[in-house]
Amino acid sequence: METLGDDDGPIDVHDYRHGLKLLKETRDTSHWANKKGYACPACGKPFEQLFVSEKTDNTFTPSSVTPFCIRHEPNRILMFRH
């Protein structure tokens, strides 16, 4: 199973575009589905969805409690929902 991002540097989501499906995009955020079964760079387990934000503040209203991992990069935060 391939891990999203192969080192500790920033992840270029577009390098993995062939295995991700864009669900929603705004100027500062994007929401992706993991079609290929990539592994999370934080825990190594497959994730279902990826949320990328360049905003300072984000609010989440989950419909259910699901595990997630967060990766902080210099200019953005990536949230992997399992």
C-alpha atoms as a PDB file:
ATOM      1  CA  MET A   1       0.000   0.000   0.000  1.00  0.00           C
ATOM      2  CA  GLU A   2       1.397   3.354  -1.043  1.00  0.00           C
ATOM      3  CA  THR A   3       1.584   6.091   1.596  1.00  0.00           C
ATOM      4  CA  LEU A   4       0.448   9.573   0.644  1.00  0.00           C
ATOM      5  CA  GLY A   5       3.706  11.521   0.648  1.00  0.00           C
ATOM      6  CA  ASP A   6       7.020   9.719   0.667  1.00  0.00           C
ATOM      7  CA  ASP A   7       9.027  11.928   3.013  1.00  0.00           C
ATOM      8  CA  ASP A   8       8.583  14.560   5.706  1.00  0.00           C
ATOM      9  CA  GLY A   9       8.128  17.374   3.163  1.00  0.00           C
ATOM     10  CA  PRO A  10       4.816  18.870   2.034  1.00  0.00           C
ATOM     11  CA  ILE A  11       2.444  16.532   0.201  1.00  0.00           C
ATOM     12  CA  ASP A  12       1.515  17.589  -3.324  1.00  0.00           C
ATOM     13  CA  VAL A  13      -2.029  16.204  -3.533  1.00  0.00           C
ATOM     14  CA  HIS A  14      -1.955  16.561  -7.309  1.00  0.00           C
ATOM     15  CA  ASP A  15       0.855  13.965  -7.487  1.00  0.00           C
ATOM     16  CA  TYR A  16      -1.756  11.473  -6.211  1.00  0.00           C
ATOM     17  CA  ARG A  17      -4.704  12.813  -8.239  1.00  0.00           C
ATOM     18  CA  HIS A  18      -5.120   9.522 -10.142  1.00  0.00           C
ATOM     19  CA  GLY A  19      -6.059   7.768  -6.881  1.00  0.00           C
ATOM     20  CA  LEU A  20      -8.091  10.560  -5.291  1.00  0.00           C
ATOM     21  CA  LYS A  21     -11.520  11.908  -6.203  1.00  0.00           C
ATOM     22  CA  LEU A  22     -12.204  15.595  -5.624  1.00  0.00           C
ATOM     23  CA  LEU A  23     -15.448  15.948  -3.665  1.00  0.00           C
ATOM     24  CA  LYS A  24     -15.468  19.706  -3.029  1.00  0.00           C
ATOM     25  CA  GLU A  25     -13.108  22.621  -3.511  1.00  0.00           C
ATOM     26  CA  THR A  26     -13.109  26.262  -2.472  1.00  0.00           C
ATOM     27  CA  ARG A  27     -10.387  28.861  -2.693  1.00  0.00           C
ATOM     28  CA  ASP A  28      -8.800  27.741   0.608  1.00  0.00           C
ATOM     29  CA  THR A  29      -9.950  24.140   1.079  1.00  0.00           C
ATOM     30  CA  SER A  30     -10.342  20.856  -0.776  1.00  0.00           C
ATOM     31  CA  HIS A  31     -12.050  17.590   0.175  1.00  0.00           C
ATOM     32  CA  TRP A  32     -10.970  14.291  -1.428  1.00  0.00           C
ATOM     33  CA  ALA A  33     -12.065  10.644  -1.399  1.00  0.00           C
ATOM     34  CA  ASN A  34      -9.334   7.990  -1.355  1.00  0.00           C
ATOM     35  CA  LYS A  35     -10.188   5.738  -4.336  1.00  0.00           C
ATOM     36  CA  LYS A  36      -6.850   3.892  -4.417  1.00  0.00           C
ATOM     37  CA  GLY A  37      -6.508   3.050  -0.721  1.00  0.00           C
ATOM     38  CA  TYR A  38      -3.487   5.226   0.040  1.00  0.00           C
ATOM     39  CA  ALA A  39      -2.073   4.946   3.540  1.00  0.00           C
ATOM     40  CA  CYS A  40      -2.155   7.887   5.949  1.00  0.00           C
ATOM     41  CA  PRO A  41       1.309   9.457   6.454  1.00  0.00           C
ATOM     42  CA  ALA A  42       0.611   9.879  10.185  1.00  0.00           C
ATOM     43  CA  CYS A  43      -0.438   6.330  11.141  1.00  0.00           C
ATOM     44  CA  GLY A  44       0.164   4.169   8.054  1.00  0.00           C
ATOM     45  CA  LYS A  45      -3.446   2.921   7.847  1.00  0.00           C
ATOM     46  CA  PRO A  46      -5.710   3.481   4.836  1.00  0.00           C
ATOM     47  CA  PHE A  47      -7.891   6.575   5.073  1.00  0.00           C
ATOM     48  CA  GLU A  48     -11.310   7.233   3.533  1.00  0.00           C
ATOM     49  CA  GLN A  49     -11.215  10.978   2.997  1.00  0.00           C
ATOM     50  CA  LEU A  50      -8.733  13.837   3.044  1.00  0.00           C
ATOM     51  CA  PHE A  51      -9.496  17.453   3.918  1.00  0.00           C
ATOM     52  CA  VAL A  52      -6.859  20.073   3.026  1.00  0.00           C
ATOM     53  CA  SER A  53      -7.094  23.626   4.365  1.00  0.00           C
ATOM     54  CA  GLU A  54      -4.971  26.730   4.003  1.00  0.00           C
ATOM     55  CA  LYS A  55      -7.312  28.620   6.346  1.00  0.00           C
ATOM     56  CA  THR A  56      -6.247  29.603   9.857  1.00  0.00           C
ATOM     57  CA  ASP A  57      -9.507  28.447  11.450  1.00  0.00           C
ATOM     58  CA  ASN A  58     -11.751  25.531  10.496  1.00  0.00           C
ATOM     59  CA  THR A  59     -14.921  24.185  12.070  1.00  0.00           C
ATOM     60  CA  PHE A  60     -16.020  20.578  11.663  1.00  0.00           C
ATOM     61  CA  THR A  61     -19.470  19.204  12.398  1.00  0.00           C
ATOM     62  CA  PRO A  62     -19.133  15.434  12.022  1.00  0.00           C
ATOM     63  CA  SER A  63     -22.251  13.350  11.521  1.00  0.00           C
ATOM     64  CA  SER A  64     -20.605  10.630  13.594  1.00  0.00           C
ATOM     65  CA  VAL A  65     -17.449  10.224  15.601  1.00  0.00           C
ATOM     66  CA  THR A  66     -14.758   8.749  13.384  1.00  0.00           C
ATOM     67  CA  PRO A  67     -11.017   8.476  13.932  1.00  0.00           C
ATOM     68  CA  PHE A  68      -8.816  10.934  12.077  1.00  0.00           C
ATOM     69  CA  CYS A  69      -5.173  11.969  11.801  1.00  0.00           C
ATOM     70  CA  ILE A  70      -3.819  15.463  11.218  1.00  0.00           C
ATOM     71  CA  ARG A  71      -0.620  16.476   9.472  1.00  0.00           C
ATOM     72  CA  HIS A  72       0.575  20.045   9.884  1.00  0.00           C
ATOM     73  CA  GLU A  73       2.654  21.598   7.126  1.00  0.00           C
ATOM     74  CA  PRO A  74       4.055  25.131   7.057  1.00  0.00           C
ATOM     75  CA  ASN A  75       1.155  26.627   5.067  1.00  0.00           C
ATOM     76  CA  ARG A  76      -1.689  24.177   5.587  1.00  0.00           C
ATOM     77  CA  ILE A  77      -3.245  21.375   7.606  1.00  0.00           C
ATOM     78  CA  LEU A  78      -4.270  17.992   6.189  1.00  0.00           C
ATOM     79  CA  MET A  79      -6.907  15.889   7.960  1.00  0.00           C
ATOM     80  CA  PHE A  80      -7.216  12.194   7.107  1.00  0.00           C
ATOM     81  CA  ARG A  81     -10.532  10.611   8.132  1.00  0.00           C
ATOM     82  CA  HIS A  82     -10.484   6.860   8.715  1.00  0.00           C
END
